Structure formats: C-alpha cells, structure tokens
Amino acid sequence: MDVSRFGPTAYFMALSKLLADPKQFFTDLPRDVDISGPLIFLILSSAVFSAACLMNAETSRVLNAAIFFSNASGMVFIASAVGYGATLMLTDKRVPYTQVFAIYAYATGITILAAWLPAFLWITEPWKWWLVGTGLTRGLQLTKRQAFSVVVMSIAVMTTGFWVVMHIQTL
C-alpha cells in the first residue's frame, strides 16, 4: 500500500484490507514504512472514535472529545514503545521503531472504530491484541511464541504502569 499520499482513499483502502485480510495486510507492510501513513490512519480513526464517544458523554463535549482523542492516539505511542522494547529484549531482531509503531497504529486504528460502544470492549481489546500479534508474526517475522510474549509483556507493563500511577497518591 502506497502511503506517500495518505488521504481518504488510502484510509479506506487500509480499512478494507485490514478487515478483509489482516494477515496479508501486515505481510505487505514494508520494513521501512514511513511513520506518516500509520499516524494519519490513527489520527483519523481516533477522530471518528472521539466523535462517536460524545454520544455517551454527559459533560463538557470539547473536554471529553480532547480526552477521548488523546487517550485513543496516545496509548498507541505508549504501547508501541513497550512493544518495541519487548521485541528488542525477547528477540535477536533489530527492527525499526516505525515498523512496530505501524503495527500498533493500524491494529488500534481499526479496532477503536467499534470501541466507542461500551459493551464492545470485550471484543475490540482481544481483537486489537490479536492484530498486534498477527502484525508481529507477519510484519516482523517473529515466531508465534515471540509475538505472544511481546503482547503479554506489553499488556503486563502497561497494566502495571497504570496501576502504579493510579495508586501513587496513596503512597
């Protein structure tokens, strides 16, 4: 997929390819992927997610939209950084961060389009992590065991980190 000019057409092409055949999508992801395509995909999906979430919001719409958008897009940077570190620690592969970011951005970007529905959390979160694992095996050629370890480590580190931050005021 050419992301040199990532616009609405490229966005919907990426969406349809991710939905139709995610394994092939991640297999076709170039090793030297430019960060702009996945970033724009993530931003557009985060904007749709934020707008949809406003239907459930009861307070300040502008503030809620900013929080939803920041959370949707910001978590990808945290998760991809942890995933990148885990990939470097658990494998002997030296992969570019942009490729790991692309995997996390596309996996999150597609799943948050349904995640605004509160009950869909139980579907979209496992789906997102399956897509990340698929991207790691297809895009980075990690073994299934390595990809599973990276996903588990990403979830564990992020969960622990947020638990510590939430409980830091009680220390």
N, C-alpha and C. Protein backbone atom coordinates (compact mmCIF):
# COMPACT_ATOMS: atom_id res chain seq x y z
N MET A 1 0.84 -1.17 0.00
CA MET A 1 0.00 0.00 0.00
C MET A 1 0.89 1.23 0.00
N ASP A 2 0.66 2.12 -0.93
CA ASP A 2 1.43 3.34 -1.04
C ASP A 2 0.84 4.38 -0.08
N VAL A 3 1.64 4.79 0.89
CA VAL A 3 1.16 5.78 1.85
C VAL A 3 1.88 7.11 1.66
N SER A 4 2.54 7.27 0.52
CA SER A 4 3.24 8.53 0.30
C SER A 4 2.25 9.70 0.24
N ARG A 5 1.04 9.44 -0.23
CA ARG A 5 -0.03 10.44 -0.23
C ARG A 5 -1.22 9.84 0.49
N PHE A 6 -1.17 9.83 1.79
CA PHE A 6 -2.20 9.19 2.59
C PHE A 6 -3.37 10.14 2.77
N GLY A 7 -4.47 9.85 2.09
CA GLY A 7 -5.68 10.65 2.19
C GLY A 7 -6.87 9.75 2.43
N PRO A 8 -8.06 10.25 2.19
CA PRO A 8 -9.27 9.45 2.42
C PRO A 8 -9.28 8.12 1.66
N THR A 9 -8.83 8.13 0.42
CA THR A 9 -8.82 6.89 -0.36
C THR A 9 -7.89 5.86 0.27
N ALA A 10 -6.69 6.30 0.64
CA ALA A 10 -5.74 5.39 1.27
C ALA A 10 -6.26 4.90 2.62
N TYR A 11 -6.94 5.79 3.35
CA TYR A 11 -7.51 5.41 4.65
C TYR A 11 -8.53 4.28 4.48
N PHE A 12 -9.46 4.46 3.54
CA PHE A 12 -10.49 3.45 3.35
C PHE A 12 -9.93 2.17 2.72
N MET A 13 -8.88 2.30 1.92
CA MET A 13 -8.22 1.10 1.38
C MET A 13 -7.56 0.31 2.51
N ALA A 14 -6.88 1.02 3.41
CA ALA A 14 -6.25 0.35 4.55
C ALA A 14 -7.31 -0.31 5.43
N LEU A 15 -8.42 0.40 5.67
CA LEU A 15 -9.52 -0.16 6.45
C LEU A 15 -10.05 -1.44 5.83
N SER A 16 -10.32 -1.40 4.54
CA SER A 16 -10.89 -2.58 3.89
C SER A 16 -9.89 -3.73 3.85
N LYS A 17 -8.62 -3.45 3.63
CA LYS A 17 -7.61 -4.52 3.62
C LYS A 17 -7.43 -5.13 5.00
N LEU A 18 -7.45 -4.28 6.03
CA LEU A 18 -7.33 -4.79 7.40
C LEU A 18 -8.52 -5.66 7.79
N LEU A 19 -9.70 -5.26 7.36
CA LEU A 19 -10.90 -6.05 7.67
C LEU A 19 -10.97 -7.33 6.84
N ALA A 20 -10.61 -7.25 5.57
CA ALA A 20 -10.74 -8.40 4.67
C ALA A 20 -9.66 -9.45 4.90
N ASP A 21 -8.41 -9.02 5.05
CA ASP A 21 -7.31 -9.97 5.18
C ASP A 21 -6.17 -9.35 5.99
N PRO A 22 -6.33 -9.29 7.32
CA PRO A 22 -5.30 -8.64 8.14
C PRO A 22 -3.92 -9.32 8.03
N LYS A 23 -3.90 -10.63 7.85
CA LYS A 23 -2.61 -11.32 7.74
C LYS A 23 -1.85 -10.83 6.51
N GLN A 24 -2.56 -10.70 5.39
CA GLN A 24 -1.91 -10.21 4.17
C GLN A 24 -1.53 -8.74 4.30
N PHE A 25 -2.39 -7.97 4.96
CA PHE A 25 -2.09 -6.55 5.16
C PHE A 25 -0.75 -6.39 5.87
N PHE A 26 -0.56 -7.11 6.97
CA PHE A 26 0.68 -6.98 7.72
C PHE A 26 1.87 -7.63 7.00
N THR A 27 1.61 -8.66 6.20
CA THR A 27 2.68 -9.25 5.39
C THR A 27 3.19 -8.24 4.37
N ASP A 28 2.28 -7.46 3.81
CA ASP A 28 2.63 -6.48 2.78
C ASP A 28 3.21 -5.18 3.35
N LEU A 29 3.17 -5.02 4.67
CA LEU A 29 3.68 -3.79 5.29
C LEU A 29 5.19 -3.71 5.07
N PRO A 30 5.68 -2.64 4.45
CA PRO A 30 7.11 -2.56 4.17
C PRO A 30 7.95 -2.41 5.44
N ARG A 31 9.13 -2.98 5.41
CA ARG A 31 10.04 -2.91 6.57
C ARG A 31 10.44 -1.47 6.86
N ASP A 32 10.57 -0.66 5.83
CA ASP A 32 10.97 0.73 6.00
C ASP A 32 9.77 1.66 5.93
N VAL A 33 8.67 1.24 6.53
CA VAL A 33 7.43 2.02 6.48
C VAL A 33 7.65 3.41 7.08
N ASP A 34 7.12 4.39 6.39
CA ASP A 34 7.17 5.77 6.86
C ASP A 34 6.11 5.94 7.95
N ILE A 35 6.42 6.69 8.97
CA ILE A 35 5.50 6.83 10.10
C ILE A 35 4.25 7.63 9.73
N SER A 36 4.29 8.41 8.66
CA SER A 36 3.16 9.31 8.35
C SER A 36 1.88 8.55 8.02
N GLY A 37 1.94 7.49 7.24
CA GLY A 37 0.73 6.74 6.89
C GLY A 37 0.02 6.15 8.10
N PRO A 38 0.74 5.35 8.93
CA PRO A 38 0.09 4.82 10.13
C PRO A 38 -0.37 5.91 11.09
N LEU A 39 0.39 7.00 11.18
CA LEU A 39 0.00 8.10 12.08
C LEU A 39 -1.29 8.77 11.61
N ILE A 40 -1.40 9.03 10.33
CA ILE A 40 -2.62 9.64 9.79
C ILE A 40 -3.80 8.68 9.95
N PHE A 41 -3.57 7.39 9.69
CA PHE A 41 -4.62 6.39 9.89
C PHE A 41 -5.10 6.42 11.33
N LEU A 42 -4.17 6.46 12.27
CA LEU A 42 -4.51 6.50 13.69
C LEU A 42 -5.26 7.78 14.04
N ILE A 43 -4.81 8.91 13.54
CA ILE A 43 -5.46 10.19 13.84
C ILE A 43 -6.89 10.22 13.31
N LEU A 44 -7.09 9.76 12.09
CA LEU A 44 -8.44 9.74 11.54
C LEU A 44 -9.35 8.80 12.32
N SER A 45 -8.86 7.62 12.66
CA SER A 45 -9.66 6.68 13.46
C SER A 45 -9.94 7.23 14.84
N SER A 46 -8.95 7.89 15.43
CA SER A 46 -9.14 8.50 16.76
C SER A 46 -10.17 9.61 16.72
N ALA A 47 -10.19 10.37 15.63
CA ALA A 47 -11.18 11.44 15.49
C ALA A 47 -12.60 10.87 15.38
N VAL A 48 -12.75 9.80 14.60
CA VAL A 48 -14.06 9.14 14.49
C VAL A 48 -14.47 8.57 15.85
N PHE A 49 -13.53 7.92 16.53
CA PHE A 49 -13.78 7.36 17.86
C PHE A 49 -14.22 8.45 18.83
N SER A 50 -13.51 9.57 18.83
CA SER A 50 -13.83 10.67 19.75
C SER A 50 -15.22 11.23 19.47
N ALA A 51 -15.54 11.42 18.21
CA ALA A 51 -16.87 11.92 17.85
C ALA A 51 -17.96 10.94 18.27
N ALA A 52 -17.73 9.67 18.05
CA ALA A 52 -18.72 8.66 18.43
C ALA A 52 -18.87 8.57 19.95
N CYS A 53 -17.77 8.71 20.67
CA CYS A 53 -17.83 8.65 22.14
C CYS A 53 -18.65 9.79 22.72
N LEU A 54 -18.74 10.89 22.02
CA LEU A 54 -19.50 12.03 22.53
C LEU A 54 -20.98 11.69 22.68
N MET A 55 -21.44 10.68 21.98
CA MET A 55 -22.84 10.27 22.14
C MET A 55 -23.10 9.69 23.53
N ASN A 56 -22.05 9.19 24.18
CA ASN A 56 -22.18 8.63 25.52
C ASN A 56 -21.79 9.63 26.61
N ALA A 57 -21.21 10.77 26.23
CA ALA A 57 -20.71 11.74 27.21
C ALA A 57 -21.85 12.58 27.76
N GLU A 58 -21.74 12.90 29.05
CA GLU A 58 -22.78 13.70 29.70
C GLU A 58 -22.28 15.08 30.12
N THR A 59 -21.00 15.33 30.01
CA THR A 59 -20.47 16.62 30.45
C THR A 59 -19.83 17.35 29.27
N SER A 60 -18.93 18.24 29.54
CA SER A 60 -18.29 19.11 28.54
C SER A 60 -17.86 18.35 27.30
N ARG A 61 -18.48 18.65 26.21
CA ARG A 61 -18.21 17.94 24.95
C ARG A 61 -16.79 18.18 24.44
N VAL A 62 -16.32 19.41 24.50
CA VAL A 62 -14.99 19.72 23.99
C VAL A 62 -13.92 19.03 24.84
N LEU A 63 -14.05 19.11 26.14
CA LEU A 63 -13.09 18.47 27.03
C LEU A 63 -13.11 16.95 26.85
N ASN A 64 -14.29 16.38 26.79
CA ASN A 64 -14.40 14.93 26.59
C ASN A 64 -13.80 14.50 25.26
N ALA A 65 -14.07 15.25 24.21
CA ALA A 65 -13.51 14.91 22.90
C ALA A 65 -11.99 14.93 22.94
N ALA A 66 -11.42 15.93 23.60
CA ALA A 66 -9.96 16.02 23.71
C ALA A 66 -9.40 14.84 24.51
N ILE A 67 -10.09 14.46 25.57
CA ILE A 67 -9.64 13.34 26.39
C ILE A 67 -9.74 12.04 25.61
N PHE A 68 -10.86 11.82 24.94
CA PHE A 68 -11.03 10.60 24.14
C PHE A 68 -9.97 10.51 23.04
N PHE A 69 -9.74 11.62 22.35
CA PHE A 69 -8.77 11.64 21.27
C PHE A 69 -7.36 11.39 21.79
N SER A 70 -6.99 12.08 22.88
CA SER A 70 -5.66 11.91 23.46
C SER A 70 -5.44 10.48 23.93
N ASN A 71 -6.45 9.90 24.54
CA ASN A 71 -6.34 8.52 25.01
C ASN A 71 -6.21 7.55 23.84
N ALA A 72 -7.06 7.71 22.85
CA ALA A 72 -7.06 6.79 21.71
C ALA A 72 -5.73 6.82 20.96
N SER A 73 -5.21 8.01 20.71
CA SER A 73 -3.97 8.10 19.95
C SER A 73 -2.74 7.96 20.84
N GLY A 74 -2.79 8.51 22.03
CA GLY A 74 -1.62 8.46 22.93
C GLY A 74 -1.26 7.07 23.41
N MET A 75 -2.27 6.25 23.64
CA MET A 75 -1.99 4.89 24.11
C MET A 75 -1.19 4.08 23.10
N VAL A 76 -1.33 4.40 21.84
CA VAL A 76 -0.58 3.69 20.81
C VAL A 76 0.91 3.97 20.95
N PHE A 77 1.26 5.21 21.28
CA PHE A 77 2.67 5.54 21.47
C PHE A 77 3.26 4.81 22.67
N ILE A 78 2.49 4.73 23.74
CA ILE A 78 2.96 4.01 24.93
C ILE A 78 3.07 2.52 24.63
N ALA A 79 2.02 1.95 24.05
CA ALA A 79 2.01 0.52 23.77
C ALA A 79 3.09 0.14 22.77
N SER A 80 3.28 0.94 21.73
CA SER A 80 4.29 0.60 20.72
C SER A 80 5.70 0.75 21.29
N ALA A 81 5.92 1.70 22.18
CA ALA A 81 7.24 1.84 22.81
C ALA A 81 7.54 0.63 23.69
N VAL A 82 6.54 0.20 24.46
CA VAL A 82 6.72 -1.01 25.29
C VAL A 82 6.92 -2.22 24.39
N GLY A 83 6.11 -2.34 23.35
CA GLY A 83 6.24 -3.46 22.41
C GLY A 83 7.58 -3.47 21.71
N TYR A 84 8.08 -2.29 21.36
CA TYR A 84 9.39 -2.19 20.72
C TYR A 84 10.48 -2.67 21.67
N GLY A 85 10.42 -2.21 22.91
CA GLY A 85 11.39 -2.65 23.90
C GLY A 85 11.32 -4.15 24.14
N ALA A 86 10.11 -4.67 24.22
CA ALA A 86 9.93 -6.12 24.42
C ALA A 86 10.47 -6.90 23.23
N THR A 87 10.24 -6.38 22.03
CA THR A 87 10.74 -7.05 20.83
C THR A 87 12.26 -7.10 20.84
N LEU A 88 12.89 -6.01 21.22
CA LEU A 88 14.35 -5.97 21.27
C LEU A 88 14.89 -6.90 22.37
N MET A 89 14.18 -6.96 23.49
CA MET A 89 14.64 -7.80 24.61
C MET A 89 14.44 -9.29 24.33
N LEU A 90 13.34 -9.64 23.71
CA LEU A 90 12.97 -11.05 23.57
C LEU A 90 13.46 -11.70 22.28
N THR A 91 13.94 -10.90 21.35
CA THR A 91 14.39 -11.46 20.07
C THR A 91 15.77 -10.92 19.75
N ASP A 92 16.39 -11.52 18.77
CA ASP A 92 17.67 -11.00 18.31
C ASP A 92 17.50 -10.09 17.10
N LYS A 93 16.26 -9.74 16.80
CA LYS A 93 15.97 -8.89 15.65
C LYS A 93 16.14 -7.43 16.01
N ARG A 94 16.71 -6.69 15.11
CA ARG A 94 16.82 -5.24 15.25
C ARG A 94 15.87 -4.64 14.22
N VAL A 95 14.72 -4.25 14.68
CA VAL A 95 13.69 -3.74 13.79
C VAL A 95 13.54 -2.24 14.00
N PRO A 96 13.12 -1.53 12.97
CA PRO A 96 12.90 -0.09 13.15
C PRO A 96 11.64 0.16 13.98
N TYR A 97 11.71 1.19 14.82
CA TYR A 97 10.55 1.53 15.65
C TYR A 97 9.33 1.86 14.79
N THR A 98 9.55 2.48 13.64
CA THR A 98 8.42 2.86 12.79
C THR A 98 7.60 1.64 12.37
N GLN A 99 8.25 0.52 12.19
CA GLN A 99 7.52 -0.69 11.79
C GLN A 99 6.67 -1.21 12.95
N VAL A 100 7.22 -1.18 14.16
CA VAL A 100 6.45 -1.60 15.33
C VAL A 100 5.30 -0.62 15.56
N PHE A 101 5.58 0.67 15.45
CA PHE A 101 4.53 1.67 15.61
C PHE A 101 3.41 1.46 14.59
N ALA A 102 3.78 1.17 13.35
CA ALA A 102 2.78 0.95 12.30
C ALA A 102 1.85 -0.21 12.66
N ILE A 103 2.41 -1.28 13.18
CA ILE A 103 1.60 -2.44 13.57
C ILE A 103 0.61 -2.05 14.66
N TYR A 104 1.09 -1.38 15.68
CA TYR A 104 0.22 -0.97 16.78
C TYR A 104 -0.80 0.07 16.32
N ALA A 105 -0.39 1.00 15.45
CA ALA A 105 -1.30 2.06 14.98
C ALA A 105 -2.42 1.48 14.13
N TYR A 106 -2.08 0.59 13.20
CA TYR A 106 -3.12 0.00 12.36
C TYR A 106 -4.04 -0.90 13.18
N ALA A 107 -3.47 -1.68 14.10
CA ALA A 107 -4.30 -2.56 14.93
C ALA A 107 -5.25 -1.76 15.80
N THR A 108 -4.76 -0.70 16.38
CA THR A 108 -5.62 0.14 17.23
C THR A 108 -6.60 0.94 16.39
N GLY A 109 -6.13 1.50 15.28
CA GLY A 109 -6.97 2.33 14.44
C GLY A 109 -8.21 1.62 13.93
N ILE A 110 -8.07 0.35 13.60
CA ILE A 110 -9.22 -0.40 13.10
C ILE A 110 -10.18 -0.77 14.24
N THR A 111 -9.63 -1.11 15.39
CA THR A 111 -10.49 -1.58 16.49
C THR A 111 -11.21 -0.47 17.22
N ILE A 112 -10.62 0.73 17.28
CA ILE A 112 -11.31 1.80 18.02
C ILE A 112 -12.54 2.30 17.29
N LEU A 113 -12.68 1.94 16.03
CA LEU A 113 -13.88 2.34 15.32
C LEU A 113 -15.14 1.68 15.89
N ALA A 114 -14.96 0.56 16.57
CA ALA A 114 -16.08 -0.11 17.24
C ALA A 114 -16.01 0.03 18.76
N ALA A 115 -14.87 0.49 19.27
CA ALA A 115 -14.65 0.53 20.72
C ALA A 115 -15.44 1.60 21.45
N TRP A 116 -16.04 2.53 20.73
CA TRP A 116 -16.81 3.57 21.40
C TRP A 116 -18.06 3.01 22.05
N LEU A 117 -18.50 1.85 21.60
CA LEU A 117 -19.63 1.18 22.26
C LEU A 117 -19.10 0.48 23.51
N PRO A 118 -19.57 0.86 24.69
CA PRO A 118 -19.00 0.31 25.92
C PRO A 118 -18.98 -1.22 25.98
N ALA A 119 -19.99 -1.88 25.49
CA ALA A 119 -20.04 -3.35 25.56
C ALA A 119 -19.05 -4.01 24.60
N PHE A 120 -18.56 -3.27 23.62
CA PHE A 120 -17.64 -3.84 22.63
C PHE A 120 -16.20 -3.95 23.14
N LEU A 121 -15.93 -3.42 24.32
CA LEU A 121 -14.58 -3.53 24.89
C LEU A 121 -14.13 -4.98 24.94
N TRP A 122 -15.05 -5.87 25.23
CA TRP A 122 -14.72 -7.30 25.35
C TRP A 122 -14.42 -7.93 24.00
N ILE A 123 -14.78 -7.25 22.94
CA ILE A 123 -14.48 -7.74 21.59
C ILE A 123 -13.27 -7.02 21.00
N THR A 124 -13.24 -5.70 21.15
CA THR A 124 -12.21 -4.92 20.47
C THR A 124 -10.82 -5.08 21.09
N GLU A 125 -10.73 -5.19 22.40
CA GLU A 125 -9.40 -5.34 23.02
C GLU A 125 -8.73 -6.65 22.61
N PRO A 126 -9.39 -7.80 22.75
CA PRO A 126 -8.74 -9.03 22.27
C PRO A 126 -8.44 -8.98 20.77
N TRP A 127 -9.34 -8.38 19.99
CA TRP A 127 -9.13 -8.26 18.55
C TRP A 127 -7.88 -7.42 18.27
N LYS A 128 -7.74 -6.29 18.99
CA LYS A 128 -6.57 -5.43 18.81
C LYS A 128 -5.28 -6.20 19.09
N TRP A 129 -5.26 -6.93 20.20
CA TRP A 129 -4.03 -7.65 20.56
C TRP A 129 -3.78 -8.82 19.62
N TRP A 130 -4.84 -9.43 19.07
CA TRP A 130 -4.64 -10.46 18.05
C TRP A 130 -4.03 -9.82 16.80
N LEU A 131 -4.53 -8.65 16.42
CA LEU A 131 -3.97 -7.95 15.27
C LEU A 131 -2.51 -7.57 15.50
N VAL A 132 -2.17 -7.12 16.70
CA VAL A 132 -0.78 -6.80 17.01
C VAL A 132 0.07 -8.06 16.87
N GLY A 133 -0.39 -9.16 17.45
CA GLY A 133 0.35 -10.42 17.32
C GLY A 133 0.50 -10.86 15.87
N THR A 134 -0.56 -10.69 15.10
CA THR A 134 -0.51 -11.02 13.68
C THR A 134 0.49 -10.12 12.96
N GLY A 135 0.48 -8.85 13.29
CA GLY A 135 1.45 -7.92 12.70
C GLY A 135 2.87 -8.27 13.06
N LEU A 136 3.08 -8.70 14.30
CA LEU A 136 4.44 -9.07 14.72
C LEU A 136 4.93 -10.32 14.00
N THR A 137 4.03 -11.29 13.80
CA THR A 137 4.45 -12.52 13.11
C THR A 137 4.57 -12.30 11.61
N ARG A 138 3.65 -11.54 11.03
CA ARG A 138 3.67 -11.34 9.58
C ARG A 138 4.59 -10.20 9.16
N GLY A 139 4.55 -9.11 9.90
CA GLY A 139 5.34 -7.95 9.52
C GLY A 139 6.78 -8.00 9.96
N LEU A 140 7.02 -8.55 11.15
CA LEU A 140 8.38 -8.61 11.70
C LEU A 140 8.98 -10.01 11.63
N GLN A 141 8.20 -10.97 11.18
CA GLN A 141 8.61 -12.37 11.10
C GLN A 141 9.04 -12.94 12.46
N LEU A 142 8.35 -12.53 13.53
CA LEU A 142 8.59 -13.15 14.83
C LEU A 142 7.88 -14.50 14.86
N THR A 143 8.37 -15.40 15.69
CA THR A 143 7.65 -16.65 15.87
C THR A 143 6.38 -16.35 16.66
N LYS A 144 5.44 -17.29 16.63
CA LYS A 144 4.20 -17.09 17.38
C LYS A 144 4.50 -16.95 18.87
N ARG A 145 5.45 -17.71 19.35
CA ARG A 145 5.83 -17.64 20.77
C ARG A 145 6.42 -16.27 21.10
N GLN A 146 7.28 -15.74 20.24
CA GLN A 146 7.86 -14.42 20.47
C GLN A 146 6.78 -13.35 20.42
N ALA A 147 5.91 -13.43 19.44
CA ALA A 147 4.83 -12.43 19.32
C ALA A 147 3.91 -12.49 20.55
N PHE A 148 3.57 -13.69 20.98
CA PHE A 148 2.74 -13.84 22.18
C PHE A 148 3.44 -13.22 23.39
N SER A 149 4.73 -13.46 23.51
CA SER A 149 5.49 -12.89 24.63
C SER A 149 5.53 -11.38 24.58
N VAL A 150 5.68 -10.81 23.39
CA VAL A 150 5.69 -9.35 23.25
C VAL A 150 4.33 -8.79 23.64
N VAL A 151 3.26 -9.41 23.19
CA VAL A 151 1.90 -8.95 23.52
C VAL A 151 1.66 -9.05 25.03
N VAL A 152 2.01 -10.17 25.63
CA VAL A 152 1.81 -10.34 27.08
C VAL A 152 2.64 -9.33 27.86
N MET A 153 3.89 -9.14 27.43
CA MET A 153 4.75 -8.18 28.12
C MET A 153 4.20 -6.76 27.96
N SER A 154 3.70 -6.42 26.78
CA SER A 154 3.12 -5.09 26.56
C SER A 154 1.94 -4.86 27.50
N ILE A 155 1.05 -5.83 27.56
CA ILE A 155 -0.13 -5.70 28.43
C ILE A 155 0.30 -5.63 29.89
N ALA A 156 1.22 -6.47 30.30
CA ALA A 156 1.65 -6.51 31.70
C ALA A 156 2.34 -5.22 32.12
N VAL A 157 3.24 -4.72 31.30
CA VAL A 157 3.97 -3.49 31.64
C VAL A 157 3.02 -2.30 31.69
N MET A 158 2.12 -2.20 30.72
CA MET A 158 1.18 -1.08 30.71
C MET A 158 0.21 -1.17 31.88
N THR A 159 -0.30 -2.35 32.17
CA THR A 159 -1.22 -2.51 33.29
C THR A 159 -0.53 -2.16 34.60
N THR A 160 0.67 -2.67 34.78
CA THR A 160 1.43 -2.37 36.00
C THR A 160 1.74 -0.88 36.10
N GLY A 161 2.16 -0.29 34.99
CA GLY A 161 2.47 1.14 34.99
C GLY A 161 1.28 1.99 35.35
N PHE A 162 0.13 1.70 34.78
CA PHE A 162 -1.06 2.48 35.10
C PHE A 162 -1.55 2.21 36.52
N TRP A 163 -1.39 1.00 37.00
CA TRP A 163 -1.76 0.69 38.38
C TRP A 163 -0.90 1.51 39.34
N VAL A 164 0.40 1.58 39.07
CA VAL A 164 1.30 2.35 39.91
C VAL A 164 0.92 3.83 39.88
N VAL A 165 0.68 4.37 38.70
CA VAL A 165 0.31 5.78 38.57
C VAL A 165 -0.99 6.07 39.32
N MET A 166 -1.96 5.16 39.21
CA MET A 166 -3.24 5.37 39.88
C MET A 166 -3.10 5.31 41.41
N HIS A 167 -2.15 4.52 41.88
CA HIS A 167 -2.01 4.34 43.32
C HIS A 167 -0.86 5.15 43.91
N ILE A 168 -0.23 5.98 43.14
CA ILE A 168 0.92 6.74 43.62
C ILE A 168 0.51 7.77 44.69
N GLN A 169 -0.70 8.29 44.59
CA GLN A 169 -1.14 9.27 45.56
C GLN A 169 -1.40 8.68 46.94
N THR A 170 -1.56 7.36 47.02
CA THR A 170 -1.81 6.72 48.31
C THR A 170 -0.50 6.31 49.00
N LEU A 171 0.61 6.47 48.31
CA LEU A 171 1.90 6.08 48.89
C LEU A 171 2.43 7.08 49.86
